[in-house]
PDB file of N, CA and C in Angstrom:
ATOM      1  N   UNK A   1     144.865 -20.921-111.051  1.00  0.00           N
ATOM      2  CA  UNK A   1     143.933 -21.989-111.361  1.00  0.00           C
ATOM      3  C   UNK A   1     142.615 -21.720-110.635  1.00  0.00           C
ATOM      4  N   UNK A   2     141.529 -22.137-111.215  1.00  0.00           N
ATOM      5  CA  UNK A   2     140.205 -21.946-110.621  1.00  0.00           C
ATOM      6  C   UNK A   2     140.029 -22.825-109.387  1.00  0.00           C
ATOM      7  N   UNK A   3     139.185 -22.371-108.494  1.00  0.00           N
ATOM      8  CA  UNK A   3     138.878 -23.169-107.318  1.00  0.00           C
ATOM      9  C   UNK A   3     138.124 -24.427-107.709  1.00  0.00           C
ATOM     10  N   UNK A   4     138.272 -25.446-106.878  1.00  0.00           N
ATOM     11  CA  UNK A   4     137.546 -26.692-107.092  1.00  0.00           C
ATOM     12  C   UNK A   4     136.730 -27.012-105.854  1.00  0.00           C
ATOM     13  N   UNK A   5     135.538 -27.535-106.077  1.00  0.00           N
ATOM     14  CA  UNK A   5     134.700 -27.946-104.954  1.00  0.00           C
ATOM     15  C   UNK A   5     135.249 -29.238-104.387  1.00  0.00           C
ATOM     16  N   UNK A   6     135.415 -29.284-103.069  1.00  0.00           N
ATOM     17  CA  UNK A   6     135.879 -30.504-102.441  1.00  0.00           C
ATOM     18  C   UNK A   6     134.913 -31.017-101.381  1.00  0.00           C
ATOM     19  N   UNK A   7     133.877 -30.265-101.066  1.00  0.00           N
ATOM     20  CA  UNK A   7     132.857 -30.719-100.114  1.00  0.00           C
ATOM     21  C   UNK A   7     131.497 -30.246-100.612  1.00  0.00           C
ATOM     22  N   UNK A   8     130.502 -31.092-100.466  1.00  0.00           N
ATOM     23  CA  UNK A   8     129.108 -30.676-100.576  1.00  0.00           C
ATOM     24  C   UNK A   8     128.333 -31.459 -99.525  1.00  0.00           C
ATOM     25  N   UNK A   9     127.606 -30.721 -98.715  1.00  0.00           N
ATOM     26  CA  UNK A   9     126.754 -31.305 -97.685  1.00  0.00           C
ATOM     27  C   UNK A   9     125.346 -30.773 -97.919  1.00  0.00           C
ATOM     28  N   UNK A  10     124.344 -31.599 -97.648  1.00  0.00           N
ATOM     29  CA  UNK A  10     122.956 -31.186 -97.844  1.00  0.00           C
ATOM     30  C   UNK A  10     122.186 -31.341 -96.555  1.00  0.00           C
ATOM     31  N   UNK A  11     121.232 -30.431 -96.335  1.00  0.00           N
ATOM     32  CA  UNK A  11     120.446 -30.509 -95.115  1.00  0.00           C
ATOM     33  C   UNK A  11     119.035 -29.998 -95.310  1.00  0.00           C
ATOM     34  N   UNK A  12     118.218 -30.271 -94.298  1.00  0.00           N
ATOM     35  CA  UNK A  12     116.832 -29.822 -94.307  1.00  0.00           C
ATOM     36  C   UNK A  12     116.503 -29.283 -92.920  1.00  0.00           C
ATOM     37  N   UNK A  13     115.712 -28.215 -92.882  1.00  0.00           N
ATOM     38  CA  UNK A  13     115.278 -27.652 -91.610  1.00  0.00           C
ATOM     39  C   UNK A  13     113.908 -27.045 -91.753  1.00  0.00           C
ATOM     40  N   UNK A  14     113.263 -26.846 -90.629  1.00  0.00           N
ATOM     41  CA  UNK A  14     111.925 -26.293 -90.691  1.00  0.00           C
ATOM     42  C   UNK A  14     111.627 -25.349 -89.550  1.00  0.00           C
ATOM     43  N   UNK A  15     110.599 -24.556 -89.745  1.00  0.00           N
ATOM     44  CA  UNK A  15     110.017 -23.739 -88.690  1.00  0.00           C
ATOM     45  C   UNK A  15     108.555 -24.132 -88.636  1.00  0.00           C
ATOM     46  N   UNK A  16     108.167 -24.779 -87.549  1.00  0.00           N
ATOM     47  CA  UNK A  16     106.841 -25.374 -87.457  1.00  0.00           C
ATOM     48  C   UNK A  16     105.721 -24.372 -87.231  1.00  0.00           C
ATOM     49  N   UNK A  17     106.001 -23.287 -86.518  1.00  0.00           N
ATOM     50  CA  UNK A  17     104.909 -22.405 -86.130  1.00  0.00           C
ATOM     51  C   UNK A  17     105.090 -20.940 -86.496  1.00  0.00           C
ATOM     52  N   UNK A  18     106.301 -20.472 -86.660  1.00  0.00           N
ATOM     53  CA  UNK A  18     106.524 -19.038 -86.816  1.00  0.00           C
ATOM     54  C   UNK A  18     106.571 -18.533 -88.244  1.00  0.00           C
ATOM     55  N   UNK A  19     106.574 -19.425 -89.196  1.00  0.00           N
ATOM     56  CA  UNK A  19     106.713 -19.084 -90.616  1.00  0.00           C
ATOM     57  C   UNK A  19     107.925 -18.173 -90.836  1.00  0.00           C
ATOM     58  N   UNK A  20     109.047 -18.546 -90.182  1.00  0.00           N
ATOM     59  CA  UNK A  20     110.291 -17.772 -90.243  1.00  0.00           C
ATOM     60  C   UNK A  20     111.245 -18.479 -91.209  1.00  0.00           C
ATOM     61  N   UNK A  21     111.409 -17.913 -92.381  1.00  0.00           N
ATOM     62  CA  UNK A  21     112.224 -18.540 -93.424  1.00  0.00           C
ATOM     63  C   UNK A  21     113.704 -18.563 -93.063  1.00  0.00           C
ATOM     64  N   UNK A  22     114.174 -17.530 -92.361  1.00  0.00           N
ATOM     65  CA  UNK A  22     115.579 -17.507 -91.948  1.00  0.00           C
ATOM     66  C   UNK A  22     115.848 -18.599 -90.916  1.00  0.00           C
ATOM     67  N   UNK A  23     114.935 -18.786 -89.980  1.00  0.00           N
ATOM     68  CA  UNK A  23     115.104 -19.833 -88.962  1.00  0.00           C
ATOM     69  C   UNK A  23     115.118 -21.212 -89.621  1.00  0.00           C
ATOM     70  N   UNK A  24     114.215 -21.453 -90.554  1.00  0.00           N
ATOM     71  CA  UNK A  24     114.184 -22.740 -91.246  1.00  0.00           C
ATOM     72  C   UNK A  24     115.474 -22.959 -92.034  1.00  0.00           C
ATOM     73  N   UNK A  25     115.964 -21.907 -92.690  1.00  0.00           N
ATOM     74  CA  UNK A  25     117.208 -22.008 -93.458  1.00  0.00           C
ATOM     75  C   UNK A  25     118.396 -22.274 -92.539  1.00  0.00           C
ATOM     76  N   UNK A  26     118.442 -21.608 -91.380  1.00  0.00           N
ATOM     77  CA  UNK A  26     119.530 -21.826 -90.423  1.00  0.00           C
ATOM     78  C   UNK A  26     119.539 -23.278 -89.944  1.00  0.00           C
ATOM     79  N   UNK A  27     118.384 -23.820 -89.722  1.00  0.00           N
ATOM     80  CA  UNK A  27     118.297 -25.218 -89.289  1.00  0.00           C
ATOM     81  C   UNK A  27     118.726 -26.169 -90.401  1.00  0.00           C
ATOM     82  N   UNK A  28     118.419 -25.834 -91.640  1.00  0.00           N
ATOM     83  CA  UNK A  28     118.859 -26.662 -92.767  1.00  0.00           C
ATOM     84  C   UNK A  28     120.378 -26.634 -92.903  1.00  0.00           C
ATOM     85  N   UNK A  29     120.972 -25.449 -92.730  1.00  0.00           N
ATOM     86  CA  UNK A  29     122.432 -25.326 -92.796  1.00  0.00           C
ATOM     87  C   UNK A  29     123.071 -26.110 -91.661  1.00  0.00           C
ATOM     88  N   UNK A  30     122.526 -25.966 -90.454  1.00  0.00           N
ATOM     89  CA  UNK A  30     123.056 -26.710 -89.305  1.00  0.00           C
ATOM     90  C   UNK A  30     122.971 -28.215 -89.556  1.00  0.00           C
ATOM     91  N   UNK A  31     121.855 -28.659 -90.125  1.00  0.00           N
ATOM     92  CA  UNK A  31     121.704 -30.075 -90.446  1.00  0.00           C
ATOM     93  C   UNK A  31     122.775 -30.526 -91.437  1.00  0.00           C
ATOM     94  N   UNK A  32     123.093 -29.683 -92.391  1.00  0.00           N
ATOM     95  CA  UNK A  32     124.094 -30.036 -93.408  1.00  0.00           C
ATOM     96  C   UNK A  32     125.493 -30.163 -92.822  1.00  0.00           C
ATOM     97  N   UNK A  33     125.843 -29.294 -91.879  1.00  0.00           N
ATOM     98  CA  UNK A  33     127.229 -29.299 -91.384  1.00  0.00           C
ATOM     99  C   UNK A  33     127.411 -29.998 -90.045  1.00  0.00           C
ATOM    100  N   UNK A  34     126.335 -30.409 -89.435  1.00  0.00           N
ATOM    101  CA  UNK A  34     126.402 -30.974 -88.077  1.00  0.00           C
ATOM    102  C   UNK A  34     127.346 -32.156 -87.955  1.00  0.00           C
ATOM    103  N   UNK A  35     127.403 -32.998 -88.948  1.00  0.00           N
ATOM    104  CA  UNK A  35     128.200 -34.226 -88.836  1.00  0.00           C
ATOM    105  C   UNK A  35     129.516 -34.146 -89.614  1.00  0.00           C
ATOM    106  N   UNK A  36     129.881 -32.959 -90.057  1.00  0.00           N
ATOM    107  CA  UNK A  36     131.103 -32.816 -90.858  1.00  0.00           C
ATOM    108  C   UNK A  36     132.318 -32.581 -89.968  1.00  0.00           C
ATOM    109  N   UNK A  37     133.385 -33.207 -90.339  1.00  0.00           N
ATOM    110  CA  UNK A  37     134.684 -32.952 -89.737  1.00  0.00           C
ATOM    111  C   UNK A  37     135.706 -33.095 -90.856  1.00  0.00           C
ATOM    112  N   UNK A  38     136.509 -32.058 -91.047  1.00  0.00           N
ATOM    113  CA  UNK A  38     137.444 -32.064 -92.166  1.00  0.00           C
ATOM    114  C   UNK A  38     138.868 -31.911 -91.624  1.00  0.00           C
ATOM    115  N   UNK A  39     139.541 -33.026 -91.355  1.00  0.00           N
ATOM    116  CA  UNK A  39     140.886 -32.951 -90.794  1.00  0.00           C
ATOM    117  C   UNK A  39     141.955 -32.517 -91.788  1.00  0.00           C
ATOM    118  N   UNK A  40     141.589 -32.353 -93.034  1.00  0.00           N
ATOM    119  CA  UNK A  40     142.551 -32.010 -94.078  1.00  0.00           C
ATOM    120  C   UNK A  40     143.276 -30.697 -93.787  1.00  0.00           C
ATOM    121  N   UNK A  41     142.576 -29.721 -93.221  1.00  0.00           N
ATOM    122  CA  UNK A  41     143.208 -28.422 -92.978  1.00  0.00           C
ATOM    123  C   UNK A  41     144.384 -28.554 -92.014  1.00  0.00           C
ATOM    124  N   UNK A  42     144.174 -29.230 -90.917  1.00  0.00           N
ATOM    125  CA  UNK A  42     145.259 -29.428 -89.962  1.00  0.00           C
ATOM    126  C   UNK A  42     146.338 -30.331 -90.539  1.00  0.00           C
ATOM    127  N   UNK A  43     145.908 -31.391 -91.221  1.00  0.00           N
ATOM    128  CA  UNK A  43     146.866 -32.350 -91.777  1.00  0.00           C
ATOM    129  C   UNK A  43     147.782 -31.707 -92.814  1.00  0.00           C
ATOM    130  N   UNK A  44     147.254 -30.740 -93.572  1.00  0.00           N
ATOM    131  CA  UNK A  44     148.044 -30.107 -94.628  1.00  0.00           C
ATOM    132  C   UNK A  44     148.563 -28.727 -94.244  1.00  0.00           C
ATOM    133  N   UNK A  45     148.252 -28.295 -93.033  1.00  0.00           N
ATOM    134  CA  UNK A  45     148.707 -26.982 -92.594  1.00  0.00           C
ATOM    135  C   UNK A  45     148.029 -25.835 -93.322  1.00  0.00           C
ATOM    136  N   UNK A  46     146.766 -26.027 -93.699  1.00  0.00           N
ATOM    137  CA  UNK A  46     146.025 -24.991 -94.405  1.00  0.00           C
ATOM    138  C   UNK A  46     145.220 -24.143 -93.421  1.00  0.00           C
ATOM    139  N   UNK A  47     145.077 -22.883 -93.748  1.00  0.00           N
ATOM    140  CA  UNK A  47     144.249 -21.964 -92.973  1.00  0.00           C
ATOM    141  C   UNK A  47     142.817 -22.064 -93.491  1.00  0.00           C
ATOM    142  N   UNK A  48     141.842 -22.158 -92.585  1.00  0.00           N
ATOM    143  CA  UNK A  48     140.436 -22.232 -92.991  1.00  0.00           C
ATOM    144  C   UNK A  48     140.005 -21.009 -93.794  1.00  0.00           C
ATOM    145  N   UNK A  49     140.687 -19.906 -93.624  1.00  0.00           N
ATOM    146  CA  UNK A  49     140.336 -18.683 -94.357  1.00  0.00           C
ATOM    147  C   UNK A  49     140.586 -18.835 -95.855  1.00  0.00           C
ATOM    148  N   UNK A  50     141.352 -19.841 -96.245  1.00  0.00           N
ATOM    149  CA  UNK A  50     141.614 -20.083 -97.660  1.00  0.00           C
ATOM    150  C   UNK A  50     140.439 -20.775 -98.356  1.00  0.00           C
ATOM    151  N   UNK A  51     139.488 -21.232 -97.580  1.00  0.00           N
ATOM    152  CA  UNK A  51     138.331 -21.954 -98.115  1.00  0.00           C
ATOM    153  C   UNK A  51     137.189 -20.976 -98.377  1.00  0.00           C
ATOM    154  N   UNK A  52     136.571 -21.121 -99.543  1.00  0.00           N
ATOM    155  CA  UNK A  52     135.349 -20.363 -99.836  1.00  0.00           C
ATOM    156  C   UNK A  52     134.167 -21.300 -99.612  1.00  0.00           C
ATOM    157  N   UNK A  53     133.213 -20.830 -98.828  1.00  0.00           N
ATOM    158  CA  UNK A  53     132.028 -21.621 -98.523  1.00  0.00           C
ATOM    159  C   UNK A  53     130.840 -20.963 -99.219  1.00  0.00           C
ATOM    160  N   UNK A  54     130.180 -21.732-100.048  1.00  0.00           N
ATOM    161  CA  UNK A  54     129.019 -21.240-100.792  1.00  0.00           C
ATOM    162  C   UNK A  54     127.796 -22.003-100.305  1.00  0.00           C
ATOM    163  N   UNK A  55     126.825 -21.264 -99.771  1.00  0.00           N
ATOM    164  CA  UNK A  55     125.612 -21.877 -99.240  1.00  0.00           C
ATOM    165  C   UNK A  55     124.433 -21.443-100.099  1.00  0.00           C
ATOM    166  N   UNK A  56     123.642 -22.416-100.512  1.00  0.00           N
ATOM    167  CA  UNK A  56     122.404 -22.134-101.236  1.00  0.00           C
ATOM    168  C   UNK A  56     121.266 -22.713-100.421  1.00  0.00           C
ATOM    169  N   UNK A  57     120.299 -21.851-100.063  1.00  0.00           N
ATOM    170  CA  UNK A  57     119.125 -22.315 -99.334  1.00  0.00           C
ATOM    171  C   UNK A  57     117.904 -22.156-100.230  1.00  0.00           C
ATOM    172  N   UNK A  58     117.053 -23.163-100.222  1.00  0.00           N
ATOM    173  CA  UNK A  58     115.831 -23.132-101.000  1.00  0.00           C
ATOM    174  C   UNK A  58     114.626 -23.023-100.085  1.00  0.00           C
ATOM    175  N   UNK A  59     113.833 -21.981-100.274  1.00  0.00           N
ATOM    176  CA  UNK A  59     112.594 -21.766 -99.527  1.00  0.00           C
ATOM    177  C   UNK A  59     111.553 -21.194-100.479  1.00  0.00           C
ATOM    178  N   UNK A  60     110.314 -21.242-100.079  1.00  0.00           N
ATOM    179  CA  UNK A  60     109.240 -20.728-100.917  1.00  0.00           C
ATOM    180  C   UNK A  60     109.241 -19.206-101.027  1.00  0.00           C
ATOM    181  N   UNK A  61     109.848 -18.515-100.064  1.00  0.00           N
ATOM    182  CA  UNK A  61     109.897 -17.049-100.099  1.00  0.00           C
ATOM    183  C   UNK A  61     111.346 -16.590 -99.879  1.00  0.00           C
ATOM    184  N   UNK A  62     112.215 -16.708-100.921  1.00  0.00           N
ATOM    185  CA  UNK A  62     113.629 -16.381-100.755  1.00  0.00           C
ATOM    186  C   UNK A  62     113.877 -14.944-100.305  1.00  0.00           C
ATOM    187  N   UNK A  63     113.000 -14.028-100.646  1.00  0.00           N
ATOM    188  CA  UNK A  63     113.187 -12.631-100.255  1.00  0.00           C
ATOM    189  C   UNK A  63     112.987 -12.415 -98.756  1.00  0.00           C
ATOM    190  N   UNK A  64     112.470 -13.410 -98.039  1.00  0.00           N
ATOM    191  CA  UNK A  64     112.272 -13.307 -96.592  1.00  0.00           C
ATOM    192  C   UNK A  64     113.426 -13.929 -95.800  1.00  0.00           C
ATOM    193  N   UNK A  65     114.504 -14.302 -96.467  1.00  0.00           N
ATOM    194  CA  UNK A  65     115.665 -14.910 -95.813  1.00  0.00           C
ATOM    195  C   UNK A  65     116.740 -13.848 -95.593  1.00  0.00           C
ATOM    196  N   UNK A  66     117.244 -13.758 -94.372  1.00  0.00           N
ATOM    197  CA  UNK A  66     118.335 -12.838 -94.030  1.00  0.00           C
ATOM    198  C   UNK A  66     119.659 -13.563 -94.284  1.00  0.00           C
ATOM    199  N   UNK A  67     120.164 -13.451 -95.503  1.00  0.00           N
ATOM    200  CA  UNK A  67     121.386 -14.168 -95.900  1.00  0.00           C
ATOM    201  C   UNK A  67     122.604 -13.709 -95.105  1.00  0.00           C
ATOM    202  N   UNK A  68     122.676 -12.437 -94.764  1.00  0.00           N
ATOM    203  CA  UNK A  68     123.812 -11.917 -93.985  1.00  0.00           C
ATOM    204  C   UNK A  68     123.845 -12.560 -92.601  1.00  0.00           C
ATOM    205  N   UNK A  69     122.696 -12.705 -91.969  1.00  0.00           N
ATOM    206  CA  UNK A  69     122.642 -13.345 -90.650  1.00  0.00           C
ATOM    207  C   UNK A  69     123.059 -14.808 -90.747  1.00  0.00           C
ATOM    208  N   UNK A  70     122.640 -15.487 -91.798  1.00  0.00           N
ATOM    209  CA  UNK A  70     123.024 -16.889 -91.979  1.00  0.00           C
ATOM    210  C   UNK A  70     124.524 -17.021 -92.184  1.00  0.00           C
ATOM    211  N   UNK A  71     125.117 -16.110 -92.954  1.00  0.00           N
ATOM    212  CA  UNK A  71     126.566 -16.167 -93.216  1.00  0.00           C
ATOM    213  C   UNK A  71     127.360 -16.023 -91.923  1.00  0.00           C
ATOM    214  N   UNK A  72     126.888 -15.167 -91.025  1.00  0.00           N
ATOM    215  CA  UNK A  72     127.585 -14.965 -89.747  1.00  0.00           C
ATOM    216  C   UNK A  72     127.579 -16.232 -88.892  1.00  0.00           C
ATOM    217  N   UNK A  73     126.625 -17.119 -89.130  1.00  0.00           N
ATOM    218  CA  UNK A  73     126.510 -18.330 -88.334  1.00  0.00           C
ATOM    219  C   UNK A  73     127.412 -19.465 -88.757  1.00  0.00           C
ATOM    220  N   UNK A  74     128.083 -19.317 -89.886  1.00  0.00           N
ATOM    221  CA  UNK A  74     128.986 -20.381 -90.332  1.00  0.00           C
ATOM    222  C   UNK A  74     130.364 -20.180 -89.721  1.00  0.00           C
ATOM    223  N   UNK A  75     130.962 -21.261 -89.218  1.00  0.00           N
ATOM    224  CA  UNK A  75     132.166 -21.116 -88.402  1.00  0.00           C
ATOM    225  C   UNK A  75     133.484 -20.890 -89.148  1.00  0.00           C
ATOM    226  N   UNK A  76     133.549 -21.221 -90.434  1.00  0.00           N
ATOM    227  CA  UNK A  76     134.848 -21.172 -91.101  1.00  0.00           C
ATOM    228  C   UNK A  76     134.708 -20.709 -92.541  1.00  0.00           C
ATOM    229  N   UNK A  77     135.817 -20.179 -93.055  1.00  0.00           N
ATOM    230  CA  UNK A  77     135.895 -19.837 -94.467  1.00  0.00           C
ATOM    231  C   UNK A  77     135.307 -18.489 -94.816  1.00  0.00           C
ATOM    232  N   UNK A  78     135.462 -18.140 -96.077  1.00  0.00           N
ATOM    233  CA  UNK A  78     134.848 -16.934 -96.650  1.00  0.00           C
ATOM    234  C   UNK A  78     133.465 -17.344 -97.145  1.00  0.00           C
ATOM    235  N   UNK A  79     132.445 -16.899 -96.481  1.00  0.00           N
ATOM    236  CA  UNK A  79     131.101 -17.437 -96.672  1.00  0.00           C
ATOM    237  C   UNK A  79     130.254 -16.539 -97.563  1.00  0.00           C
ATOM    238  N   UNK A  80     129.558 -17.182 -98.490  1.00  0.00           N
ATOM    239  CA  UNK A  80     128.552 -16.532 -99.332  1.00  0.00           C
ATOM    240  C   UNK A  80     127.262 -17.329 -99.164  1.00  0.00           C
ATOM    241  N   UNK A  81     126.143 -16.638 -98.912  1.00  0.00           N
ATOM    242  CA  UNK A  81     124.849 -17.310 -98.783  1.00  0.00           C
ATOM    243  C   UNK A  81     123.886 -16.675 -99.768  1.00  0.00           C
ATOM    244  N   UNK A  82     123.145 -17.524-100.466  1.00  0.00           N
ATOM    245  CA  UNK A  82     122.092 -17.018-101.341  1.00  0.00           C
ATOM    246  C   UNK A  82     120.843 -17.858-101.135  1.00  0.00           C
ATOM    247  N   UNK A  83     119.712 -17.195-101.272  1.00  0.00           N
ATOM    248  CA  UNK A  83     118.424 -17.871-101.132  1.00  0.00           C
ATOM    249  C   UNK A  83     117.766 -17.959-102.504  1.00  0.00           C
ATOM    250  N   UNK A  84     117.220 -19.129-102.798  1.00  0.00           N
ATOM    251  CA  UNK A  84     116.546 -19.368-104.064  1.00  0.00           C
ATOM    252  C   UNK A  84     115.176 -19.977-103.784  1.00  0.00           C
ATOM    253  N   UNK A  85     114.341 -19.987-104.812  1.00  0.00           N
ATOM    254  CA  UNK A  85     113.023 -20.592-104.656  1.00  0.00           C
ATOM    255  C   UNK A  85     113.172 -22.102-104.553  1.00  0.00           C
ATOM    256  N   UNK A  86     112.549 -22.680-103.540  1.00  0.00           N
ATOM    257  CA  UNK A  86     112.608 -24.116-103.312  1.00  0.00           C
ATOM    258  C   UNK A  86     111.889 -24.446-102.020  1.00  0.00           C
ATOM    259  N   UNK A  87     112.281 -25.520-101.389  1.00  0.00           N
ATOM    260  CA  UNK A  87     111.659 -25.899-100.133  1.00  0.00           C
ATOM    261  C   UNK A  87     110.166 -26.102-100.266  1.00  0.00           C
ATOM    262  N   UNK A  88     109.480 -26.043 -99.114  1.00  0.00           N
ATOM    263  CA  UNK A  88     108.033 -26.256 -99.093  1.00  0.00           C
ATOM    264  C   UNK A  88     107.382 -25.379 -98.044  1.00  0.00           C
ATOM    265  N   UNK A  89     106.200 -24.931 -98.322  1.00  0.00           N
ATOM    266  CA  UNK A  89     105.296 -24.381 -97.324  1.00  0.00           C
ATOM    267  C   UNK A  89     104.148 -25.374 -97.240  1.00  0.00           C
ATOM    268  N   UNK A  90     103.907 -25.894 -96.040  1.00  0.00           N
ATOM    269  CA  UNK A  90     102.860 -26.885 -95.853  1.00  0.00           C
ATOM    270  C   UNK A  90     101.801 -26.285 -94.939  1.00  0.00           C
ATOM    271  N   UNK A  91     100.585 -26.182 -95.444  1.00  0.00           N
ATOM    272  CA  UNK A  91      99.493 -25.571 -94.685  1.00  0.00           C
ATOM    273  C   UNK A  91      98.666 -26.634 -93.982  1.00  0.00           C
ATOM    274  N   UNK A  92      98.433 -26.428 -92.686  1.00  0.00           N
ATOM    275  CA  UNK A  92      97.578 -27.308 -91.916  1.00  0.00           C
ATOM    276  C   UNK A  92      96.131 -27.028 -92.339  1.00  0.00           C
ATOM    277  N   UNK A  93      95.427 -28.010 -92.882  1.00  0.00           N
ATOM    278  CA  UNK A  93      94.077 -27.761 -93.380  1.00  0.00           C
ATOM    279  C   UNK A  93      93.072 -27.423 -92.278  1.00  0.00           C
ATOM    280  N   UNK A  94      93.400 -27.772 -91.040  1.00  0.00           N
ATOM    281  CA  UNK A  94      92.476 -27.506 -89.940  1.00  0.00           C
ATOM    282  C   UNK A  94      92.616 -26.100 -89.381  1.00  0.00           C
ATOM    283  N   UNK A  95      93.882 -25.627 -89.283  1.00  0.00           N
ATOM    284  CA  UNK A  95      94.117 -24.330 -88.638  1.00  0.00           C
ATOM    285  C   UNK A  95      94.574 -23.240 -89.590  1.00  0.00           C
ATOM    286  N   UNK A  96      95.085 -23.636 -90.761  1.00  0.00           N
ATOM    287  CA  UNK A  96      95.646 -22.658 -91.691  1.00  0.00           C
ATOM    288  C   UNK A  96      97.088 -22.298 -91.383  1.00  0.00           C
ATOM    289  N   UNK A  97      97.632 -22.842 -90.282  1.00  0.00           N
ATOM    290  CA  UNK A  97      99.026 -22.571 -89.917  1.00  0.00           C
ATOM    291  C   UNK A  97      99.965 -23.131 -90.986  1.00  0.00           C
ATOM    292  N   UNK A  98     101.041 -22.407 -91.251  1.00  0.00           N
ATOM    293  CA  UNK A  98     101.987 -22.796 -92.291  1.00  0.00           C
ATOM    294  C   UNK A  98     103.296 -23.260 -91.663  1.00  0.00           C
ATOM    295  N   UNK A  99     103.738 -24.438 -92.053  1.00  0.00           N
ATOM    296  CA  UNK A  99     105.055 -24.949 -91.681  1.00  0.00           C
ATOM    297  C   UNK A  99     105.994 -24.686 -92.850  1.00  0.00           C
ATOM    298  N   UNK A 100     107.137 -24.075 -92.540  1.00  0.00           N
ATOM    299  CA  UNK A 100     108.144 -23.750 -93.551  1.00  0.00           C
ATOM    300  C   UNK A 100     109.230 -24.816 -93.525  1.00  0.00           C
ATOM    301  N   UNK A 101     109.545 -25.366 -94.693  1.00  0.00           N
ATOM    302  CA  UNK A 101     110.627 -26.344 -94.822  1.00  0.00           C
ATOM    303  C   UNK A 101     111.664 -25.786 -95.794  1.00  0.00           C
ATOM    304  N   UNK A 102     112.911 -25.759 -95.348  1.00  0.00           N
ATOM    305  CA  UNK A 102     114.016 -25.247 -96.162  1.00  0.00           C
ATOM    306  C   UNK A 102     114.996 -26.367 -96.464  1.00  0.00           C
ATOM    307  N   UNK A 103     115.636 -26.276 -97.611  1.00  0.00           N
ATOM    308  CA  UNK A 103     116.731 -27.165 -97.982  1.00  0.00           C
ATOM    309  C   UNK A 103     117.998 -26.333 -98.112  1.00  0.00           C
ATOM    310  N   UNK A 104     119.137 -26.929 -97.801  1.00  0.00           N
ATOM    311  CA  UNK A 104     120.404 -26.212 -97.917  1.00  0.00           C
ATOM    312  C   UNK A 104     121.459 -27.102 -98.563  1.00  0.00           C
ATOM    313  N   UNK A 105     122.271 -26.481 -99.400  1.00  0.00           N
ATOM    314  CA  UNK A 105     123.477 -27.110 -99.933  1.00  0.00           C
ATOM    315  C   UNK A 105     124.646 -26.250 -99.466  1.00  0.00           C
ATOM    316  N   UNK A 106     125.591 -26.869 -98.778  1.00  0.00           N
ATOM    317  CA  UNK A 106     126.780 -26.177 -98.295  1.00  0.00           C
ATOM    318  C   UNK A 106     127.963 -26.755 -99.064  1.00  0.00           C
ATOM    319  N   UNK A 107     128.606 -25.899 -99.856  1.00  0.00           N
ATOM    320  CA  UNK A 107     129.726 -26.328-100.688  1.00  0.00           C
ATOM    321  C   UNK A 107     130.988 -25.601-100.240  1.00  0.00           C
ATOM    322  N   UNK A 108     132.108 -26.292-100.278  1.00  0.00           N
ATOM    323  CA  UNK A 108     133.385 -25.689 -99.935  1.00  0.00           C
ATOM    324  C   UNK A 108     134.336 -25.823-101.122  1.00  0.00           C
ATOM    325  N   UNK A 109     135.067 -24.742-101.381  1.00  0.00           N
ATOM    326  CA  UNK A 109     135.976 -24.660-102.526  1.00  0.00           C
ATOM    327  C   UNK A 109     137.364 -24.254-102.063  1.00  0.00           C
ATOM    328  N   UNK A 110     138.367 -24.794-102.721  1.00  0.00           N
ATOM    329  CA  UNK A 110     139.769 -24.426-102.489  1.00  0.00           C
ATOM    330  C   UNK A 110     140.491 -24.330-103.822  1.00  0.00           C
ATOM    331  N   UNK A 111     141.509 -23.522-103.850  1.00  0.00           N
ATOM    332  CA  UNK A 111     142.426 -23.491-104.982  1.00  0.00           C
ATOM    333  C   UNK A 111     143.247 -24.780-104.901  1.00  0.00           C
ATOM    334  N   UNK A 112     143.207 -25.638-105.917  1.00  0.00           N
ATOM    335  CA  UNK A 112     143.912 -26.919-105.837  1.00  0.00           C
ATOM    336  C   UNK A 112     145.421 -26.779-105.687  1.00  0.00           C
ATOM    337  N   UNK A 113     145.970 -25.638-106.066  1.00  0.00           N
ATOM    338  CA  UNK A 113     147.419 -25.466-105.903  1.00  0.00           C
ATOM    339  C   UNK A 113     147.812 -25.394-104.429  1.00  0.00           C
ATOM    340  N   UNK A 114     146.876 -25.102-103.545  1.00  0.00           N
ATOM    341  CA  UNK A 114     147.167 -25.079-102.114  1.00  0.00           C
ATOM    342  C   UNK A 114     147.393 -26.482-101.556  1.00  0.00           C
ATOM    343  N   UNK A 115     146.799 -27.468-102.227  1.00  0.00           N
ATOM    344  CA  UNK A 115     146.866 -28.835-101.760  1.00  0.00           C
ATOM    345  C   UNK A 115     147.912 -29.650-102.504  1.00  0.00           C
ATOM    346  N   UNK A 116     148.036 -29.420-103.815  1.00  0.00           N
ATOM    347  CA  UNK A 116     148.962 -30.227-104.617  1.00  0.00           C
ATOM    348  C   UNK A 116     150.398 -29.921-104.239  1.00  0.00           C
ATOM    349  N   UNK A 117     151.190 -30.952-104.248  1.00  0.00           N
ATOM    350  CA  UNK A 117     152.616 -30.796-103.986  1.00  0.00           C
ATOM    351  C   UNK A 117     152.962 -30.696-102.518  1.00  0.00           C
ATOM    352  N   UNK A 118     152.000 -30.776-101.623  1.00  0.00           N
ATOM    353  CA  UNK A 118     152.297 -30.729-100.194  1.00  0.00           C
ATOM    354  C   UNK A 118     152.904 -32.048 -99.760  1.00  0.00           C
ATOM    355  N   UNK A 119     153.886 -31.962 -98.903  1.00  0.00           N
ATOM    356  CA  UNK A 119     154.550 -33.141 -98.404  1.00  0.00           C
ATOM    357  C   UNK A 119     153.776 -33.700 -97.220  1.00  0.00           C
ATOM    358  N   UNK A 120     153.846 -35.012 -97.046  1.00  0.00           N
ATOM    359  CA  UNK A 120     153.211 -35.639 -95.889  1.00  0.00           C
ATOM    360  C   UNK A 120     153.904 -35.167 -94.634  1.00  0.00           C
ATOM    361  N   UNK A 121     153.112 -34.800 -93.628  1.00  0.00           N
ATOM    362  CA  UNK A 121     153.660 -34.312 -92.361  1.00  0.00           C
ATOM    363  C   UNK A 121     154.145 -35.495 -91.542  1.00  0.00           C
ATOM    364  N   UNK A 122     155.247 -35.303 -90.852  1.00  0.00           N
ATOM    365  CA  UNK A 122     155.785 -36.380 -90.008  1.00  0.00           C
ATOM    366  C   UNK A 122     155.793 -35.995 -88.572  1.00  0.00           C
TER     367      UNK A 122
END
């Protein structure tokens, strides 16, 4: 059976001075997962490695994002990161400095057969 999405978290991050798209994306991912806690794995006796994590980050310059470095920063699952056009570059009209704003969607997928039919733990 195909995997099903069971989590989606969204976040936003920025780099105020360095115009570093990877840093802004990392902050957006951190914002998305910072408040998440998923007790289902322990409750059902599932290994986190069974989860596929798909991260999409939106920035104005997707080719400047180090997706491999971002994937290493996620704590669980089989991680895939891709960068797409999105986010914002905001230019300070006085100095010309650019603030980079990134958006992130962090999705988690599992094969539903891993969850169905499991007995309640006692």
